[in-house]
Every structure is written in C-alpha cells, then in structure tokens.
C-alpha cells in the first residue's frame, strides 16, 4: 500500500513538474519585441518630410521679387511727364497741325499777287504776324498765304517766315491775278529768234494815266542751260530779250499782260518762234 501511494505520489510529482515545464514561458516570446522594433522602424514619419513647406517659402520668395516690377514702373512716369509739355507747345504754336503756318521774321514783308517781285503789291506783313500757308510755287521759294486780317490770299517769299510745319506739304498753286476793267489786252505782240535769244515786242499802252501805270508783266517758260524754267518778268519798256535754248523737249511759251495799279489786263499769248 505504501509503495503504491509512493508510486502515485511520484507520478503526480512528475506530472506536475511536466505541467509546470509546459506552462512556463519559452524564450521564444522575446522574439516578438524584435518584430515590434521593425514596426517601430516603420516610423515613416519620414512622410513628415512631405510637409512640403519648403515650396511655401519659395512662394514667399517670389513676392520678394515683386519689388523689381515696381522699379520698372518708376522710370515710366518720367517719359509721360516729359511728353506732356510737347503737346502744349504744339498747340500754342500751330492751331491746326494739318496745315503749315508761318510767322513773319522780318520787320516788314510785302505780299504780292504772284510768286515773284515782278507782281504787283497786294498787302503788307509785319514782324510776328502769323499766316496760314495754303500753297507754294514749284520750288517752294514763294508761299501762297492768307494773313489773319485779309479776306484773300497773297504771295510772299519763303525767307520772310519761320515755318511751323513743312511748307513743301502745301500744294503747288498757280497765281490768280486780279483783272482790271481799266485796261484792255495788249496789242501788236510779236517775237523773233536770233540763235538762243528771243526778242518779244508789243504796242505801248499810252492810254493809261501815268500815275496808274505799272508797266508790263510776262510769264514765260524757257529753256536755259538744259533746264526748262518758268519765269515772271516785269518791264516798263515795250520789248524784252531773253535767253531761250533749243535743247529742251518741252516747248517754250509765254503770256503778256498790261499792269496798272488796280490789277492786270487779260493776257495775250506770245507767238513763240
């Protein structure tokens, strides 16, 4: 009996120790901590680097570049300021910029009925007078102008004016002579050639009172030294000799007027030889 109990007791002890051994924690449990440490390594808070606040600083830097436009704007005001005086000056000097104007630059200037000193006096201009330039002769040496206090145009030498605008933009104008009812057209007009010289002659207008006589006017186209020229000539005589070469393609021609203080007679064509 006792041995049996002892054997049972020993068996129970063995069984109990076996159970204790089985229930005791194995060293395999420590490995979990290493597996947990990789999960800790998974600390991909490196995504926190994805806080791309760096771009935001760059965007803040771009505004700092904005001052440069302000520097480019600062020069722009000066041009506008310098441009403003120019219109004001042109406004005061040229009432109508499309039409050239002139300001008389001599103490006294004659304004005539045609583009040359051969024509009768029409009006007088004084220093500082402003005129509108509505025409010119072909070369631009005489200008067809209208003074502010005159209801008609007259001709004055271009050298008498300071120009506002380009007078060469004005059209070429033929002179319009005032016709007087006190004179009749010239008579006995003839012309003879001697080589390169042409002599023109006509009858005297003796019927005009001496105090009203202003001589004779010739408007001619002639050839001189290879140039085809237009001339206005005045004489108190009843004949005139001038050079006329025969080397130009255009034909020479002319008109003869009688002049008196009120104007001119109707013209008579010169029978050019």
C-alpha atoms as a PDB file:
ATOM      1  CA  UNK A   1       0.000   0.000   0.000  1.00  0.00           C
ATOM      2  CA  UNK A   2       2.652   2.444   0.962  1.00  0.00           C
ATOM      3  CA  UNK A   3       4.656   1.694  -2.106  1.00  0.00           C
ATOM      4  CA  UNK A   4       1.626   2.165  -4.201  1.00  0.00           C
ATOM      5  CA  UNK A   5       0.970   5.557  -2.699  1.00  0.00           C
ATOM      6  CA  UNK A   6       4.563   6.438  -3.133  1.00  0.00           C
ATOM      7  CA  UNK A   7       4.477   5.492  -6.744  1.00  0.00           C
ATOM      8  CA  UNK A   8       1.312   7.515  -7.181  1.00  0.00           C
ATOM      9  CA  UNK A   9       2.861  10.463  -5.446  1.00  0.00           C
ATOM     10  CA  UNK A  10       5.966  10.241  -7.541  1.00  0.00           C
ATOM     11  CA  UNK A  11       3.851  10.057 -10.643  1.00  0.00           C
ATOM     12  CA  UNK A  12       1.886  13.092  -9.595  1.00  0.00           C
ATOM     13  CA  UNK A  13       5.103  14.971  -8.892  1.00  0.00           C
ATOM     14  CA  UNK A  14       6.441  14.092 -12.289  1.00  0.00           C
ATOM     15  CA  UNK A  15       3.176  15.093 -13.906  1.00  0.00           C
ATOM     16  CA  UNK A  16       3.067  18.364 -12.004  1.00  0.00           C
ATOM     17  CA  UNK A  17       6.631  19.232 -12.885  1.00  0.00           C
ATOM     18  CA  UNK A  18       5.867  18.414 -16.520  1.00  0.00           C
ATOM     19  CA  UNK A  19       2.870  20.727 -16.412  1.00  0.00           C
ATOM     20  CA  UNK A  20       4.936  23.432 -14.849  1.00  0.00           C
ATOM     21  CA  UNK A  21       7.533  22.994 -17.529  1.00  0.00           C
ATOM     22  CA  UNK A  22       4.959  23.221 -20.286  1.00  0.00           C
ATOM     23  CA  UNK A  23       3.219  26.238 -18.830  1.00  0.00           C
ATOM     24  CA  UNK A  24       6.471  28.187 -18.245  1.00  0.00           C
ATOM     25  CA  UNK A  25       7.141  30.979 -20.892  1.00  0.00           C
ATOM     26  CA  UNK A  26       9.572  29.976 -23.551  1.00  0.00           C
ATOM     27  CA  UNK A  27      12.450  32.194 -24.618  1.00  0.00           C
ATOM     28  CA  UNK A  28      10.673  32.309 -27.980  1.00  0.00           C
ATOM     29  CA  UNK A  29       8.488  35.059 -26.569  1.00  0.00           C
ATOM     30  CA  UNK A  30      11.373  37.588 -26.641  1.00  0.00           C
ATOM     31  CA  UNK A  31      11.476  37.500 -30.466  1.00  0.00           C
ATOM     32  CA  UNK A  32       8.179  39.439 -30.579  1.00  0.00           C
ATOM     33  CA  UNK A  33       9.947  42.516 -29.260  1.00  0.00           C
ATOM     34  CA  UNK A  34      12.336  42.470 -32.245  1.00  0.00           C
ATOM     35  CA  UNK A  35       9.291  42.182 -34.531  1.00  0.00           C
ATOM     36  CA  UNK A  36       7.820  45.142 -32.684  1.00  0.00           C
ATOM     37  CA  UNK A  37      11.045  47.091 -33.222  1.00  0.00           C
ATOM     38  CA  UNK A  38      10.704  46.789 -37.070  1.00  0.00           C
ATOM     39  CA  UNK A  39       7.198  48.092 -36.643  1.00  0.00           C
ATOM     40  CA  UNK A  40       8.774  50.957 -34.741  1.00  0.00           C
ATOM     41  CA  UNK A  41      11.267  51.356 -37.609  1.00  0.00           C
ATOM     42  CA  UNK A  42       8.205  51.640 -39.816  1.00  0.00           C
ATOM     43  CA  UNK A  43       8.040  55.055 -38.254  1.00  0.00           C
ATOM     44  CA  UNK A  44       7.600  56.525 -41.640  1.00  0.00           C
ATOM     45  CA  UNK A  45       7.115  59.872 -40.115  1.00  0.00           C
ATOM     46  CA  UNK A  46       9.570  60.499 -42.902  1.00  0.00           C
ATOM     47  CA  UNK A  47       6.282  61.385 -44.591  1.00  0.00           C
ATOM     48  CA  UNK A  48       6.518  64.313 -42.254  1.00  0.00           C
ATOM     49  CA  UNK A  49       9.126  65.366 -44.765  1.00  0.00           C
ATOM     50  CA  UNK A  50       6.267  65.520 -47.200  1.00  0.00           C
ATOM     51  CA  UNK A  51       5.299  68.639 -45.307  1.00  0.00           C
ATOM     52  CA  UNK A  52       6.435  70.432 -48.350  1.00  0.00           C
ATOM     53  CA  UNK A  53       6.524  73.693 -46.535  1.00  0.00           C
ATOM     54  CA  UNK A  54       9.752  74.280 -48.462  1.00  0.00           C
ATOM     55  CA  UNK A  55       7.590  75.178 -51.536  1.00  0.00           C
ATOM     56  CA  UNK A  56       5.724  77.703 -49.407  1.00  0.00           C
ATOM     57  CA  UNK A  57       8.941  79.547 -48.556  1.00  0.00           C
ATOM     58  CA  UNK A  58       9.764  79.589 -52.255  1.00  0.00           C
ATOM     59  CA  UNK A  59       6.374  81.103 -52.934  1.00  0.00           C
ATOM     60  CA  UNK A  60       7.115  83.679 -50.279  1.00  0.00           C
ATOM     61  CA  UNK A  61      10.398  84.370 -52.046  1.00  0.00           C
ATOM     62  CA  UNK A  62       8.586  85.133 -55.317  1.00  0.00           C
ATOM     63  CA  UNK A  63       6.751  88.040 -53.739  1.00  0.00           C
ATOM     64  CA  UNK A  64      10.107  89.391 -52.705  1.00  0.00           C
ATOM     65  CA  UNK A  65      10.913  89.541 -56.433  1.00  0.00           C
ATOM     66  CA  UNK A  66       7.807  91.647 -56.951  1.00  0.00           C
ATOM     67  CA  UNK A  67       9.647  94.827 -55.961  1.00  0.00           C
ATOM     68  CA  UNK A  68      11.514  94.577 -59.267  1.00  0.00           C
ATOM     69  CA  UNK A  69       8.351  95.425 -61.251  1.00  0.00           C
ATOM     70  CA  UNK A  70       7.908  98.431 -59.021  1.00  0.00           C
ATOM     71  CA  UNK A  71      11.376  99.550 -60.090  1.00  0.00           C
ATOM     72  CA  UNK A  72      10.429  99.160 -63.745  1.00  0.00           C
ATOM     73  CA  UNK A  73       7.308 101.243 -63.154  1.00  0.00           C
ATOM     74  CA  UNK A  74       9.263 104.052 -61.528  1.00  0.00           C
ATOM     75  CA  UNK A  75      11.086 105.031 -64.780  1.00  0.00           C
ATOM     76  CA  UNK A  76       7.828 105.069 -66.736  1.00  0.00           C
ATOM     77  CA  UNK A  77       6.413 108.198 -65.080  1.00  0.00           C
ATOM     78  CA  UNK A  78       9.269 110.436 -66.261  1.00  0.00           C
ATOM     79  CA  UNK A  79       8.551 109.819 -70.004  1.00  0.00           C
ATOM     80  CA  UNK A  80       4.904 110.669 -69.501  1.00  0.00           C
ATOM     81  CA  UNK A  81       5.940 113.803 -67.692  1.00  0.00           C
ATOM     82  CA  UNK A  82       8.308 114.849 -70.494  1.00  0.00           C
ATOM     83  CA  UNK A  83       5.738 114.031 -73.166  1.00  0.00           C
ATOM     84  CA  UNK A  84       3.116 116.319 -71.698  1.00  0.00           C
ATOM     85  CA  UNK A  85       4.897 119.605 -72.441  1.00  0.00           C
ATOM     86  CA  UNK A  86       5.237 118.740 -76.137  1.00  0.00           C
ATOM     87  CA  UNK A  87       1.514 118.779 -76.974  1.00  0.00           C
ATOM     88  CA  UNK A  88       1.060 122.029 -75.093  1.00  0.00           C
ATOM     89  CA  UNK A  89       3.809 123.675 -77.135  1.00  0.00           C
ATOM     90  CA  UNK A  90       2.472 122.424 -80.453  1.00  0.00           C
ATOM     91  CA  UNK A  91      -1.000 123.578 -79.504  1.00  0.00           C
ATOM     92  CA  UNK A  92       0.147 127.124 -78.843  1.00  0.00           C
ATOM     93  CA  UNK A  93       2.297 127.313 -81.961  1.00  0.00           C
ATOM     94  CA  UNK A  94       0.168 125.500 -84.510  1.00  0.00           C
ATOM     95  CA  UNK A  95      -3.594 125.893 -84.225  1.00  0.00           C
ATOM     96  CA  UNK A  96      -4.107 123.332 -87.000  1.00  0.00           C
ATOM     97  CA  UNK A  97      -1.227 120.861 -87.349  1.00  0.00           C
ATOM     98  CA  UNK A  98      -2.512 119.619 -90.728  1.00  0.00           C
ATOM     99  CA  UNK A  99      -1.833 122.989 -92.416  1.00  0.00           C
ATOM    100  CA  UNK A 100       1.635 124.593 -92.196  1.00  0.00           C
ATOM    101  CA  UNK A 101       1.848 128.091 -90.753  1.00  0.00           C
ATOM    102  CA  UNK A 102       4.414 130.854 -90.846  1.00  0.00           C
ATOM    103  CA  UNK A 103       5.469 133.677 -88.533  1.00  0.00           C
ATOM    104  CA  UNK A 104       6.957 136.778 -90.163  1.00  0.00           C
ATOM    105  CA  UNK A 105      10.604 137.089 -89.096  1.00  0.00           C
ATOM    106  CA  UNK A 106      11.437 140.470 -90.709  1.00  0.00           C
ATOM    107  CA  UNK A 107      10.342 143.981 -89.771  1.00  0.00           C
ATOM    108  CA  UNK A 108       8.263 144.363 -92.947  1.00  0.00           C
ATOM    109  CA  UNK A 109       7.407 141.976 -95.790  1.00  0.00           C
ATOM    110  CA  UNK A 110       5.471 142.562 -98.997  1.00  0.00           C
ATOM    111  CA  UNK A 111       2.694 140.218-100.005  1.00  0.00           C
ATOM    112  CA  UNK A 112       2.134 140.190-103.787  1.00  0.00           C
ATOM    113  CA  UNK A 113      -0.399 138.950-106.345  1.00  0.00           C
ATOM    114  CA  UNK A 114       2.041 136.358-107.669  1.00  0.00           C
ATOM    115  CA  UNK A 115       5.171 134.389-106.712  1.00  0.00           C
ATOM    116  CA  UNK A 116       7.844 136.970-107.523  1.00  0.00           C
ATOM    117  CA  UNK A 117       8.864 140.590-107.267  1.00  0.00           C
ATOM    118  CA  UNK A 118       7.533 141.149-110.824  1.00  0.00           C
ATOM    119  CA  UNK A 119       3.961 141.079-109.454  1.00  0.00           C
ATOM    120  CA  UNK A 120       2.005 143.989-108.025  1.00  0.00           C
ATOM    121  CA  UNK A 121       1.920 144.707-104.310  1.00  0.00           C
ATOM    122  CA  UNK A 122      -1.151 143.241-102.578  1.00  0.00           C
ATOM    123  CA  UNK A 123      -0.655 143.675 -98.829  1.00  0.00           C
ATOM    124  CA  UNK A 124       1.932 144.252 -96.141  1.00  0.00           C
ATOM    125  CA  UNK A 125       3.071 141.892 -93.403  1.00  0.00           C
ATOM    126  CA  UNK A 126       4.790 142.886 -90.171  1.00  0.00           C
ATOM    127  CA  UNK A 127       7.143 141.047 -87.866  1.00  0.00           C
ATOM    128  CA  UNK A 128       5.328 138.499 -85.699  1.00  0.00           C
ATOM    129  CA  UNK A 129       2.298 138.198 -87.992  1.00  0.00           C
ATOM    130  CA  UNK A 130       1.052 134.623 -88.302  1.00  0.00           C
ATOM    131  CA  UNK A 131      -0.203 133.387 -91.661  1.00  0.00           C
ATOM    132  CA  UNK A 132      -1.630 130.121 -92.956  1.00  0.00           C
ATOM    133  CA  UNK A 133       0.348 128.543 -95.794  1.00  0.00           C
ATOM    134  CA  UNK A 134      -2.154 127.184 -98.337  1.00  0.00           C
ATOM    135  CA  UNK A 135       0.110 126.895-101.380  1.00  0.00           C
ATOM    136  CA  UNK A 136       3.561 127.396-102.873  1.00  0.00           C
ATOM    137  CA  UNK A 137       5.360 127.683-106.188  1.00  0.00           C
ATOM    138  CA  UNK A 138       7.077 124.580-107.547  1.00  0.00           C
ATOM    139  CA  UNK A 139      10.431 125.242-105.852  1.00  0.00           C
ATOM    140  CA  UNK A 140       8.880 126.383-102.544  1.00  0.00           C
ATOM    141  CA  UNK A 141      10.693 129.750-102.685  1.00  0.00           C
ATOM    142  CA  UNK A 142       7.372 131.648-102.627  1.00  0.00           C
ATOM    143  CA  UNK A 143       4.377 130.831-100.439  1.00  0.00           C
ATOM    144  CA  UNK A 144       0.683 131.474-101.055  1.00  0.00           C
ATOM    145  CA  UNK A 145      -0.515 132.673 -97.643  1.00  0.00           C
ATOM    146  CA  UNK A 146      -3.567 134.193 -96.028  1.00  0.00           C
ATOM    147  CA  UNK A 147      -2.920 136.855 -93.379  1.00  0.00           C
ATOM    148  CA  UNK A 148      -5.382 136.825 -90.452  1.00  0.00           C
ATOM    149  CA  UNK A 149      -6.774 140.291 -91.260  1.00  0.00           C
ATOM    150  CA  UNK A 150      -7.104 139.789 -95.044  1.00  0.00           C
ATOM    151  CA  UNK A 151     -10.017 138.199 -96.925  1.00  0.00           C
ATOM    152  CA  UNK A 152      -7.785 136.974 -99.786  1.00  0.00           C
ATOM    153  CA  UNK A 153      -4.502 135.177-100.358  1.00  0.00           C
ATOM    154  CA  UNK A 154      -1.237 136.731-101.475  1.00  0.00           C
ATOM    155  CA  UNK A 155       2.320 135.610-102.205  1.00  0.00           C
ATOM    156  CA  UNK A 156       5.381 136.278-100.055  1.00  0.00           C
ATOM    157  CA  UNK A 157       8.955 134.958-100.179  1.00  0.00           C
ATOM    158  CA  UNK A 158       9.529 131.877 -98.021  1.00  0.00           C
ATOM    159  CA  UNK A 159      12.582 133.573 -96.489  1.00  0.00           C
ATOM    160  CA  UNK A 160      10.232 136.050 -94.737  1.00  0.00           C
ATOM    161  CA  UNK A 161       8.876 133.360 -92.393  1.00  0.00           C
ATOM    162  CA  UNK A 162       9.756 130.986 -89.617  1.00  0.00           C
ATOM    163  CA  UNK A 163       7.794 127.854 -90.502  1.00  0.00           C
ATOM    164  CA  UNK A 164       5.533 125.840 -88.258  1.00  0.00           C
ATOM    165  CA  UNK A 165       5.203 122.625 -90.198  1.00  0.00           C
ATOM    166  CA  UNK A 166       6.673 121.799 -93.608  1.00  0.00           C
ATOM    167  CA  UNK A 167       5.654 124.312 -96.326  1.00  0.00           C
ATOM    168  CA  UNK A 168       6.563 121.757 -99.001  1.00  0.00           C
ATOM    169  CA  UNK A 169       3.494 119.762 -97.948  1.00  0.00           C
ATOM    170  CA  UNK A 170       1.344 122.619 -99.291  1.00  0.00           C
ATOM    171  CA  UNK A 171       0.112 122.134-102.878  1.00  0.00           C
ATOM    172  CA  UNK A 172       1.667 123.874-105.887  1.00  0.00           C
ATOM    173  CA  UNK A 173      -0.640 126.757-106.817  1.00  0.00           C
ATOM    174  CA  UNK A 174      -0.828 128.850-109.999  1.00  0.00           C
ATOM    175  CA  UNK A 175      -1.195 132.611-109.438  1.00  0.00           C
ATOM    176  CA  UNK A 176      -4.678 134.110-109.820  1.00  0.00           C
ATOM    177  CA  UNK A 177      -4.238 137.685-110.990  1.00  0.00           C
ATOM    178  CA  UNK A 178      -6.863 140.382-110.393  1.00  0.00           C
ATOM    179  CA  UNK A 179      -8.253 141.606-113.715  1.00  0.00           C
ATOM    180  CA  UNK A 180      -8.710 145.373-114.027  1.00  0.00           C
ATOM    181  CA  UNK A 181     -11.542 146.871-116.044  1.00  0.00           C
ATOM    182  CA  UNK A 182      -9.432 149.977-116.732  1.00  0.00           C
ATOM    183  CA  UNK A 183      -7.096 148.292-119.242  1.00  0.00           C
ATOM    184  CA  UNK A 184      -7.537 146.280-122.428  1.00  0.00           C
ATOM    185  CA  UNK A 185      -5.340 143.378-123.604  1.00  0.00           C
ATOM    186  CA  UNK A 186      -2.002 144.307-125.215  1.00  0.00           C
ATOM    187  CA  UNK A 187      -1.792 144.652-128.985  1.00  0.00           C
ATOM    188  CA  UNK A 188       0.930 144.239-131.648  1.00  0.00           C
ATOM    189  CA  UNK A 189       2.560 141.306-129.783  1.00  0.00           C
ATOM    190  CA  UNK A 190       5.341 139.575-131.770  1.00  0.00           C
ATOM    191  CA  UNK A 191       8.503 137.568-131.139  1.00  0.00           C
ATOM    192  CA  UNK A 192      11.702 136.955-133.138  1.00  0.00           C
ATOM    193  CA  UNK A 193      14.530 134.474-132.604  1.00  0.00           C
ATOM    194  CA  UNK A 194      18.240 135.022-133.142  1.00  0.00           C
ATOM    195  CA  UNK A 195      20.012 131.783-132.213  1.00  0.00           C
ATOM    196  CA  UNK A 196      19.404 131.238-128.491  1.00  0.00           C
ATOM    197  CA  UNK A 197      17.900 134.691-127.954  1.00  0.00           C
ATOM    198  CA  UNK A 198      14.223 135.619-128.359  1.00  0.00           C
ATOM    199  CA  UNK A 199      13.043 139.239-128.567  1.00  0.00           C
ATOM    200  CA  UNK A 200       9.416 139.959-127.685  1.00  0.00           C
ATOM    201  CA  UNK A 201       7.784 143.320-128.591  1.00  0.00           C
ATOM    202  CA  UNK A 202       4.297 144.928-128.279  1.00  0.00           C
ATOM    203  CA  UNK A 203       2.460 148.218-128.554  1.00  0.00           C
ATOM    204  CA  UNK A 204       2.573 150.784-125.756  1.00  0.00           C
ATOM    205  CA  UNK A 205      -0.498 151.270-123.565  1.00  0.00           C
ATOM    206  CA  UNK A 206      -0.315 155.040-123.662  1.00  0.00           C
ATOM    207  CA  UNK A 207      -3.978 155.478-122.773  1.00  0.00           C
ATOM    208  CA  UNK A 208      -3.361 154.629-119.105  1.00  0.00           C
ATOM    209  CA  UNK A 209      -2.799 157.684-116.876  1.00  0.00           C
ATOM    210  CA  UNK A 210       0.854 157.969-116.000  1.00  0.00           C
ATOM    211  CA  UNK A 211       0.168 157.788-112.234  1.00  0.00           C
ATOM    212  CA  UNK A 212      -1.669 154.452-112.727  1.00  0.00           C
ATOM    213  CA  UNK A 213       0.853 152.752-114.991  1.00  0.00           C
ATOM    214  CA  UNK A 214       2.711 149.744-113.601  1.00  0.00           C
ATOM    215  CA  UNK A 215       4.434 148.533-116.750  1.00  0.00           C
ATOM    216  CA  UNK A 216       4.064 145.071-118.314  1.00  0.00           C
ATOM    217  CA  UNK A 217       4.197 141.542-116.985  1.00  0.00           C
ATOM    218  CA  UNK A 218       5.490 138.482-118.874  1.00  0.00           C
ATOM    219  CA  UNK A 219       5.015 134.896-117.652  1.00  0.00           C
ATOM    220  CA  UNK A 220       7.239 132.636-119.762  1.00  0.00           C
ATOM    221  CA  UNK A 221       8.508 129.063-119.991  1.00  0.00           C
ATOM    222  CA  UNK A 222      12.027 128.999-121.460  1.00  0.00           C
ATOM    223  CA  UNK A 223      14.953 126.599-121.831  1.00  0.00           C
ATOM    224  CA  UNK A 224      18.228 127.763-120.321  1.00  0.00           C
ATOM    225  CA  UNK A 225      21.358 125.620-119.961  1.00  0.00           C
ATOM    226  CA  UNK A 226      19.358 122.421-120.324  1.00  0.00           C
ATOM    227  CA  UNK A 227      16.737 123.424-117.731  1.00  0.00           C
ATOM    228  CA  UNK A 228      13.084 124.115-118.514  1.00  0.00           C
ATOM    229  CA  UNK A 229      12.249 127.168-116.405  1.00  0.00           C
ATOM    230  CA  UNK A 230       9.202 129.256-115.533  1.00  0.00           C
ATOM    231  CA  UNK A 231       9.787 132.995-115.055  1.00  0.00           C
ATOM    232  CA  UNK A 232       7.759 136.085-114.208  1.00  0.00           C
ATOM    233  CA  UNK A 233       9.324 139.259-115.624  1.00  0.00           C
ATOM    234  CA  UNK A 234       8.314 142.911-115.276  1.00  0.00           C
ATOM    235  CA  UNK A 235       9.385 145.745-117.529  1.00  0.00           C
ATOM    236  CA  UNK A 236       8.379 149.339-118.215  1.00  0.00           C
ATOM    237  CA  UNK A 237       9.534 149.045-121.833  1.00  0.00           C
ATOM    238  CA  UNK A 238       7.668 147.676-124.863  1.00  0.00           C
ATOM    239  CA  UNK A 239      10.185 144.937-125.678  1.00  0.00           C
ATOM    240  CA  UNK A 240      12.214 142.304-123.872  1.00  0.00           C
ATOM    241  CA  UNK A 241      15.062 139.995-124.912  1.00  0.00           C
ATOM    242  CA  UNK A 242      15.797 136.730-123.095  1.00  0.00           C
ATOM    243  CA  UNK A 243      17.770 133.527-123.456  1.00  0.00           C
ATOM    244  CA  UNK A 244      15.914 130.501-124.802  1.00  0.00           C
ATOM    245  CA  UNK A 245      17.970 127.463-125.798  1.00  0.00           C
ATOM    246  CA  UNK A 246      16.528 124.898-128.178  1.00  0.00           C
ATOM    247  CA  UNK A 247      17.770 121.828-126.288  1.00  0.00           C
ATOM    248  CA  UNK A 248      14.728 121.110-124.063  1.00  0.00           C
ATOM    249  CA  UNK A 249      11.995 118.639-125.011  1.00  0.00           C
ATOM    250  CA  UNK A 250       9.218 120.958-123.789  1.00  0.00           C
ATOM    251  CA  UNK A 251       8.155 123.874-125.981  1.00  0.00           C
ATOM    252  CA  UNK A 252       8.790 127.436-124.831  1.00  0.00           C
ATOM    253  CA  UNK A 253       5.799 129.758-124.459  1.00  0.00           C
ATOM    254  CA  UNK A 254       4.578 132.863-122.679  1.00  0.00           C
ATOM    255  CA  UNK A 255       1.800 135.317-121.793  1.00  0.00           C
ATOM    256  CA  UNK A 256       1.890 139.141-121.845  1.00  0.00           C
ATOM    257  CA  UNK A 257      -0.162 141.413-119.507  1.00  0.00           C
ATOM    258  CA  UNK A 258      -0.549 145.153-119.105  1.00  0.00           C
ATOM    259  CA  UNK A 259      -0.371 146.197-115.450  1.00  0.00           C
ATOM    260  CA  UNK A 260      -1.926 149.180-113.723  1.00  0.00           C
ATOM    261  CA  UNK A 261      -2.480 149.978-110.056  1.00  0.00           C
ATOM    262  CA  UNK A 262      -5.867 148.182-109.898  1.00  0.00           C
ATOM    263  CA  UNK A 263      -4.697 144.958-111.494  1.00  0.00           C
ATOM    264  CA  UNK A 264      -3.956 143.418-114.891  1.00  0.00           C
ATOM    265  CA  UNK A 265      -5.379 143.204-118.367  1.00  0.00           C
ATOM    266  CA  UNK A 266      -6.466 139.917-119.849  1.00  0.00           C
ATOM    267  CA  UNK A 267      -3.325 138.093-121.047  1.00  0.00           C
ATOM    268  CA  UNK A 268      -2.305 137.642-124.675  1.00  0.00           C
ATOM    269  CA  UNK A 269      -0.289 134.546-125.765  1.00  0.00           C
ATOM    270  CA  UNK A 270       3.163 135.312-127.167  1.00  0.00           C
ATOM    271  CA  UNK A 271       3.672 133.810-130.668  1.00  0.00           C
ATOM    272  CA  UNK A 272       6.865 131.964-129.744  1.00  0.00           C
ATOM    273  CA  UNK A 273       9.331 131.491-132.628  1.00  0.00           C
END
